[in-house]
Amino acid sequence: MFSQILVPLDGSALAGRAVPYAQGLAQRTGAQLLLVRAVETWAFPNGGRRHRREQELLDEAERELAPLVQGLKASGLVAASSVQPGEAAMVIAQARHSHQSDLIVMSTHGRGGLGRLAYGSVAERVLREGACPVLLIPPEAEQGWRSSTDGRVVVPLDGSAVAEVALAPAVRLARLFGAGLSLMQVIEPPPPAAYSGWATATPYEYLDVQQWAEEAKPYIQGVASQLQSEDFAVDAETLVGYAAPAIDQEVRSKSALAVVMASHGRSGIERVVLGSVAQGVVHRTNVPVLVIRPGAILDHDAATQAGSSARSPAGV
């Protein structure tokens, strides 16, 4: 599933909460771990003093990461660290590219305060780059994966092929942890602003949202039936409400291990990653959220096929 996992850290305990999740995945997949730390020195003046201070900060960061790396190695994993000067998102992107990481595991906030990584410029840029999946660890998440065979991996779908790109990673994640799969779709009523010009004060009397839900059920049930041959439990549910709260309710009611969702659906390229849905889910939920950019999956598959072709004697 993953061969190289990148973990951005900033020296805080909050950012460090991502490490047990990355470690758990590495233990189950055999992936290598790369702990990345950016040292921002732009505030220091130019000249020899700046270079000395920069080197001091780099050395300090290396010393802080060393025990983590040694602990991971002691548990039988392949682990390394990379400390580089520069802005965090840029350092993360460069490390991901040079080490060909296929997953980034990061806490949703670090030194900069609540929401620093999930909603600030660092994670926004990492997610916007979208070169590989990103596993976001919310503040309320437990200290590492739960070992539970009755848990679920929740996959929100919206009827689009783009959203369904999350299915394959979700299946693999469920198998890794011996969990089941919970598919869900949320039928959202139109926003109140859509009725600003209506004469009546109760426009919902003209809408049958429950009927919409009934008409949508065959889709999610059809997707579930295609997965019934897998070696784990699959259930599907259609709910009426607003996406982020409904997803969080599903997570808590199903004792979910994680949420896996595509980076955008019907509503546009930034709908989930930078829009209200993912922000709302990460803000509310207490489990990791794996965000998949469909283009990254397609690029990875194409690269894998190209590599296989190059290794084939016939070149096909």
Protein backbone atom coordinates (compact mmCIF):
# COMPACT_ATOMS: atom_id res chain seq x y z
CA MET A 1 0.00 0.00 0.00
CA PHE A 2 2.76 2.42 0.98
CA SER A 3 6.53 2.08 0.65
CA GLN A 4 7.83 5.47 1.85
CA ILE A 5 5.98 7.44 4.54
CA LEU A 6 6.93 11.05 5.25
CA VAL A 7 6.16 12.57 8.67
CA PRO A 8 6.52 16.38 9.01
CA LEU A 9 7.44 17.45 12.56
CA ASP A 10 8.10 20.80 14.20
CA GLY A 11 9.41 19.79 17.62
CA SER A 12 6.04 19.99 19.38
CA ALA A 13 4.24 17.15 21.13
CA LEU A 14 1.15 17.95 19.08
CA ALA A 15 2.93 17.43 15.77
CA GLY A 16 4.55 14.32 17.23
CA ARG A 17 1.13 12.67 17.56
CA ALA A 18 1.47 11.72 13.90
CA VAL A 19 4.44 9.42 14.60
CA PRO A 20 2.53 6.48 16.18
CA TYR A 21 0.13 6.43 13.23
CA ALA A 22 2.96 6.41 10.71
CA GLN A 23 4.72 3.74 12.76
CA GLY A 24 1.60 1.56 12.84
CA LEU A 25 1.27 1.73 9.07
CA ALA A 26 4.95 1.00 8.55
CA GLN A 27 4.76 -2.06 10.79
CA ARG A 28 1.87 -3.44 8.74
CA THR A 29 3.19 -2.54 5.29
CA GLY A 30 6.97 -2.65 5.62
CA ALA A 31 7.18 0.99 4.55
CA GLN A 32 10.20 3.14 5.33
CA LEU A 33 9.74 6.21 7.52
CA LEU A 34 11.22 9.64 6.91
CA LEU A 35 10.89 12.25 9.67
CA VAL A 36 11.14 15.74 8.19
CA ARG A 37 11.87 18.95 10.05
CA ALA A 38 12.03 22.43 8.52
CA VAL A 39 14.12 25.12 10.20
CA GLU A 40 12.98 28.61 9.28
CA THR A 41 15.79 31.16 9.66
CA TRP A 42 14.45 34.02 7.56
CA ALA A 43 14.12 36.27 10.62
CA PHE A 44 17.86 36.26 11.28
CA PRO A 45 20.07 38.93 9.68
CA ASN A 46 22.41 38.07 6.83
CA GLY A 47 26.07 37.40 7.42
CA GLY A 48 28.13 35.08 9.56
CA ARG A 49 25.84 35.42 12.56
CA ARG A 50 22.90 34.15 10.56
CA HIS A 51 24.84 31.16 9.27
CA ARG A 52 26.02 30.26 12.78
CA ARG A 53 22.53 30.55 14.20
CA GLU A 54 21.08 28.56 11.32
CA GLN A 55 23.59 25.77 11.91
CA GLU A 56 22.79 25.80 15.63
CA LEU A 57 19.09 25.36 14.88
CA LEU A 58 19.76 22.61 12.36
CA ASP A 59 21.96 20.75 14.84
CA GLU A 60 19.35 21.16 17.57
CA ALA A 61 16.62 19.76 15.31
CA GLU A 62 18.83 16.80 14.40
CA ARG A 63 19.42 16.06 18.08
CA GLU A 64 15.69 16.20 18.80
CA LEU A 65 14.89 13.78 15.96
CA ALA A 66 17.68 11.31 16.74
CA PRO A 67 15.90 9.55 19.67
CA LEU A 68 12.74 9.18 17.59
CA VAL A 69 14.64 7.63 14.70
CA GLN A 70 16.54 5.28 17.02
CA GLY A 71 13.31 4.20 18.70
CA LEU A 72 11.71 3.42 15.34
CA LYS A 73 14.77 1.43 14.28
CA ALA A 74 14.73 -0.45 17.57
CA SER A 75 11.17 -1.57 16.77
CA GLY A 76 12.44 -3.15 13.54
CA LEU A 77 11.56 -0.36 11.11
CA VAL A 78 13.67 1.40 8.52
CA ALA A 79 13.70 5.06 9.55
CA ALA A 80 15.68 8.20 8.77
CA SER A 81 15.45 11.95 9.35
CA SER A 82 15.87 14.99 7.16
CA VAL A 83 16.40 18.48 8.59
CA GLN A 84 16.54 21.32 6.09
CA PRO A 85 16.45 25.12 6.27
CA GLY A 86 13.48 26.75 4.62
CA GLU A 87 9.74 27.25 4.74
CA ALA A 88 7.89 24.18 6.01
CA ALA A 89 5.66 23.41 3.02
CA MET A 90 8.57 23.83 0.60
CA VAL A 91 10.84 21.54 2.66
CA ILE A 92 8.06 18.93 2.86
CA ALA A 93 7.49 19.08 -0.91
CA GLN A 94 11.19 18.77 -1.68
CA ALA A 95 11.61 15.84 0.72
CA ARG A 96 8.58 14.08 -0.72
CA HIS A 97 9.92 14.47 -4.24
CA SER A 98 13.53 13.47 -3.52
CA HIS A 99 12.52 10.43 -1.46
CA GLN A 100 9.52 9.52 -3.63
CA SER A 101 7.23 9.33 -0.60
CA ASP A 102 3.78 7.93 -1.34
CA LEU A 103 2.10 9.04 1.90
CA ILE A 104 2.38 12.05 4.20
CA VAL A 105 1.22 11.61 7.80
CA MET A 106 0.84 14.91 9.63
CA SER A 107 -0.84 16.24 12.73
CA THR A 108 -3.57 18.78 12.07
CA HIS A 109 -1.80 21.38 14.13
CA GLY A 110 1.64 22.04 15.52
CA ARG A 111 3.53 24.85 17.16
CA GLY A 112 1.52 27.54 15.43
CA GLY A 113 -1.64 26.79 17.40
CA LEU A 114 -4.99 25.12 16.78
CA GLY A 115 -5.51 24.45 13.11
CA ARG A 116 -1.91 25.42 12.22
CA LEU A 117 -1.45 22.56 9.79
CA ALA A 118 -4.99 21.54 8.90
CA TYR A 119 -6.27 24.99 8.05
CA GLY A 120 -3.11 27.10 7.79
CA SER A 121 -0.80 27.68 4.90
CA VAL A 122 1.43 24.63 5.50
CA ALA A 123 -1.15 21.87 5.10
CA GLU A 124 -3.07 23.87 2.54
CA ARG A 125 -0.01 23.97 0.32
CA VAL A 126 0.82 20.32 0.98
CA LEU A 127 -2.73 19.30 0.09
CA ARG A 128 -2.89 21.62 -2.89
CA GLU A 129 0.27 20.07 -4.31
CA GLY A 130 -1.56 16.77 -4.01
CA ALA A 131 1.38 14.66 -5.14
CA CYS A 132 0.47 11.86 -2.73
CA PRO A 133 -2.24 11.00 -0.17
CA VAL A 134 -2.16 12.86 3.14
CA LEU A 135 -3.22 11.29 6.45
CA LEU A 136 -4.36 14.07 8.80
CA ILE A 137 -4.35 13.35 12.54
CA PRO A 138 -6.91 15.54 14.39
CA PRO A 139 -6.34 16.85 17.93
CA GLU A 140 -8.90 14.46 19.45
CA ALA A 141 -7.44 11.34 17.84
CA GLU A 142 -6.13 8.58 20.08
CA GLN A 143 -2.41 8.01 20.58
CA GLY A 144 -2.06 5.63 17.67
CA TRP A 145 -4.21 3.08 15.88
CA ARG A 146 -6.70 0.97 17.75
CA SER A 147 -6.45 -2.78 17.26
CA SER A 148 -10.09 -3.66 16.77
CA THR A 149 -11.76 -6.06 14.39
CA ASP A 150 -15.17 -4.48 14.93
CA GLY A 151 -14.09 -1.04 13.75
CA ARG A 152 -14.89 0.51 10.41
CA VAL A 153 -13.21 2.59 7.74
CA VAL A 154 -15.73 5.23 6.69
CA VAL A 155 -15.84 6.29 3.03
CA PRO A 156 -18.06 9.26 2.08
CA LEU A 157 -19.28 9.04 -1.53
CA ASP A 158 -21.31 11.46 -3.63
CA GLY A 159 -22.11 9.43 -6.72
CA SER A 160 -19.11 10.65 -8.71
CA ALA A 161 -16.27 8.56 -10.11
CA VAL A 162 -13.86 11.03 -8.54
CA ALA A 163 -15.12 10.32 -5.02
CA GLU A 164 -14.91 6.58 -5.70
CA VAL A 165 -11.14 6.87 -6.09
CA ALA A 166 -11.08 6.66 -2.29
CA LEU A 167 -12.50 3.13 -2.36
CA ALA A 168 -9.32 1.21 -3.24
CA PRO A 169 -7.17 2.86 -0.52
CA ALA A 170 -10.02 2.37 1.96
CA VAL A 171 -10.22 -1.34 1.12
CA ARG A 172 -6.48 -1.73 1.65
CA LEU A 173 -6.60 0.15 4.93
CA ALA A 174 -9.50 -1.99 6.17
CA ARG A 175 -7.59 -5.16 5.33
CA LEU A 176 -4.49 -3.92 7.13
CA PHE A 177 -6.41 -3.51 10.38
CA GLY A 178 -8.94 -6.30 10.03
CA ALA A 179 -11.73 -3.73 9.95
CA GLY A 180 -14.95 -3.41 8.01
CA LEU A 181 -15.98 -0.79 5.48
CA SER A 182 -18.81 1.71 5.93
CA LEU A 183 -19.93 3.51 2.78
CA MET A 184 -22.06 6.59 3.22
CA GLN A 185 -23.66 9.29 1.17
CA VAL A 186 -25.18 12.44 2.57
CA ILE A 187 -28.13 14.12 0.88
CA GLU A 188 -27.84 17.81 1.73
CA PRO A 189 -30.87 20.10 1.49
CA PRO A 190 -30.27 23.25 -0.54
CA PRO A 191 -28.88 26.14 1.53
CA PRO A 192 -31.42 28.66 2.87
CA ALA A 193 -29.92 31.33 0.62
CA ALA A 194 -31.40 29.48 -2.34
CA TYR A 195 -34.87 30.51 -1.17
CA SER A 196 -34.22 34.19 -0.51
CA GLY A 197 -36.59 35.18 -3.26
CA TRP A 198 -39.40 32.79 -2.32
CA ALA A 199 -42.65 34.26 -1.09
CA THR A 200 -43.11 31.61 1.58
CA ALA A 201 -41.06 31.55 4.77
CA THR A 202 -41.07 27.74 4.81
CA PRO A 203 -39.77 26.64 1.39
CA TYR A 204 -38.90 23.16 2.70
CA GLU A 205 -42.57 22.26 2.57
CA TYR A 206 -42.11 22.08 -1.19
CA LEU A 207 -39.14 19.78 -0.93
CA ASP A 208 -39.11 16.07 -0.16
CA VAL A 209 -35.52 15.52 0.90
CA GLN A 210 -36.35 12.06 2.25
CA GLN A 211 -37.56 11.14 -1.22
CA TRP A 212 -34.23 12.33 -2.61
CA ALA A 213 -32.51 10.02 -0.14
CA GLU A 214 -34.67 7.07 -1.19
CA GLU A 215 -33.87 7.70 -4.83
CA ALA A 216 -30.15 7.89 -4.03
CA LYS A 217 -30.00 4.62 -2.06
CA PRO A 218 -29.58 2.26 -5.05
CA TYR A 219 -26.28 3.92 -5.88
CA ILE A 220 -24.60 3.34 -2.53
CA GLN A 221 -26.12 -0.12 -2.22
CA GLY A 222 -24.80 -0.98 -5.66
CA VAL A 223 -21.27 0.07 -4.70
CA ALA A 224 -21.54 -1.99 -1.52
CA SER A 225 -22.72 -5.06 -3.42
CA GLN A 226 -19.65 -4.87 -5.66
CA LEU A 227 -17.48 -5.11 -2.53
CA GLN A 228 -19.36 -7.96 -0.89
CA SER A 229 -16.87 -10.46 -2.26
CA GLU A 230 -14.10 -8.86 -0.19
CA ASP A 231 -12.99 -10.61 2.99
CA PHE A 232 -14.50 -8.06 5.38
CA ALA A 233 -17.87 -6.64 6.33
CA VAL A 234 -19.36 -3.89 4.16
CA ASP A 235 -22.34 -1.73 5.01
CA ALA A 236 -23.90 1.27 3.29
CA GLU A 237 -26.06 4.11 4.50
CA THR A 238 -27.78 7.14 3.00
CA LEU A 239 -28.34 10.05 5.37
CA VAL A 240 -30.08 13.39 5.16
CA GLY A 241 -28.25 16.33 6.64
CA TYR A 242 -25.05 18.29 6.25
CA ALA A 243 -21.92 16.45 5.22
CA ALA A 244 -19.34 17.19 7.91
CA PRO A 245 -21.58 16.61 10.96
CA ALA A 246 -23.12 13.53 9.36
CA ILE A 247 -19.70 12.03 8.60
CA ASP A 248 -18.56 12.67 12.18
CA GLN A 249 -21.73 11.06 13.54
CA GLU A 250 -21.08 8.00 11.37
CA VAL A 251 -17.49 7.83 12.61
CA ARG A 252 -18.53 7.84 16.25
CA SER A 253 -21.49 5.50 15.89
CA LYS A 254 -19.43 2.91 13.96
CA SER A 255 -16.31 3.13 16.18
CA ALA A 256 -14.44 4.02 13.02
CA LEU A 257 -10.69 3.67 12.67
CA ALA A 258 -10.40 6.28 9.92
CA VAL A 259 -12.15 8.30 7.25
CA VAL A 260 -10.94 7.96 3.66
CA MET A 261 -12.16 10.59 1.22
CA ALA A 262 -11.23 11.90 -2.21
CA SER A 263 -9.86 15.40 -2.46
CA HIS A 264 -12.81 16.63 -4.47
CA GLY A 265 -16.18 15.46 -5.68
CA ARG A 266 -18.95 16.85 -7.79
CA SER A 267 -18.65 20.37 -6.48
CA GLY A 268 -15.20 21.25 -7.76
CA ILE A 269 -11.49 20.60 -7.42
CA GLU A 270 -11.11 22.21 -3.98
CA ARG A 271 -14.48 21.12 -2.63
CA VAL A 272 -13.17 18.68 -0.03
CA VAL A 273 -9.53 19.55 0.54
CA LEU A 274 -9.92 23.30 0.94
CA GLY A 275 -13.67 23.55 1.33
CA SER A 276 -15.98 23.29 4.28
CA VAL A 277 -16.47 19.51 4.22
CA ALA A 278 -12.95 18.33 4.99
CA GLN A 279 -12.28 21.22 7.32
CA GLY A 280 -15.49 20.39 9.15
CA VAL A 281 -14.68 16.67 9.32
CA VAL A 282 -11.13 17.19 10.60
CA HIS A 283 -12.31 19.80 13.07
CA ARG A 284 -15.00 17.49 14.49
CA THR A 285 -13.74 13.95 14.19
CA ASN A 286 -11.52 11.95 16.53
CA VAL A 287 -9.97 9.60 13.95
CA PRO A 288 -7.40 10.04 11.16
CA VAL A 289 -8.65 11.38 7.83
CA LEU A 290 -6.90 10.04 4.73
CA VAL A 291 -7.28 12.55 1.89
CA ILE A 292 -6.76 11.16 -1.62
CA ARG A 293 -6.17 13.30 -4.69
CA PRO A 294 -7.52 11.33 -7.67
CA GLY A 295 -4.82 12.65 -10.01
CA ALA A 296 -2.10 11.40 -7.69
CA ILE A 297 -3.57 7.89 -7.72
CA LEU A 298 -3.78 7.89 -11.51
CA ASP A 299 -0.22 9.22 -11.80
CA HIS A 300 1.02 6.53 -9.38
CA ASP A 301 -0.77 3.78 -11.31
CA ALA A 302 0.65 5.05 -14.59
CA ALA A 303 4.17 5.16 -13.14
CA THR A 304 3.76 1.64 -11.75
CA GLN A 305 2.56 0.33 -15.10
CA ALA A 306 5.42 2.08 -16.87
CA GLY A 307 7.91 0.53 -14.47
CA SER A 308 6.41 -2.89 -14.99
CA SER A 309 6.59 -2.47 -18.75
CA ALA A 310 10.22 -1.40 -18.58
CA ARG A 311 11.05 -4.51 -16.56
CA SER A 312 9.14 -6.79 -18.91
CA PRO A 313 11.32 -8.64 -21.49
CA ALA A 314 8.77 -7.90 -24.18
CA GLY A 315 8.35 -4.31 -23.06
CA VAL A 316 4.60 -4.76 -22.66
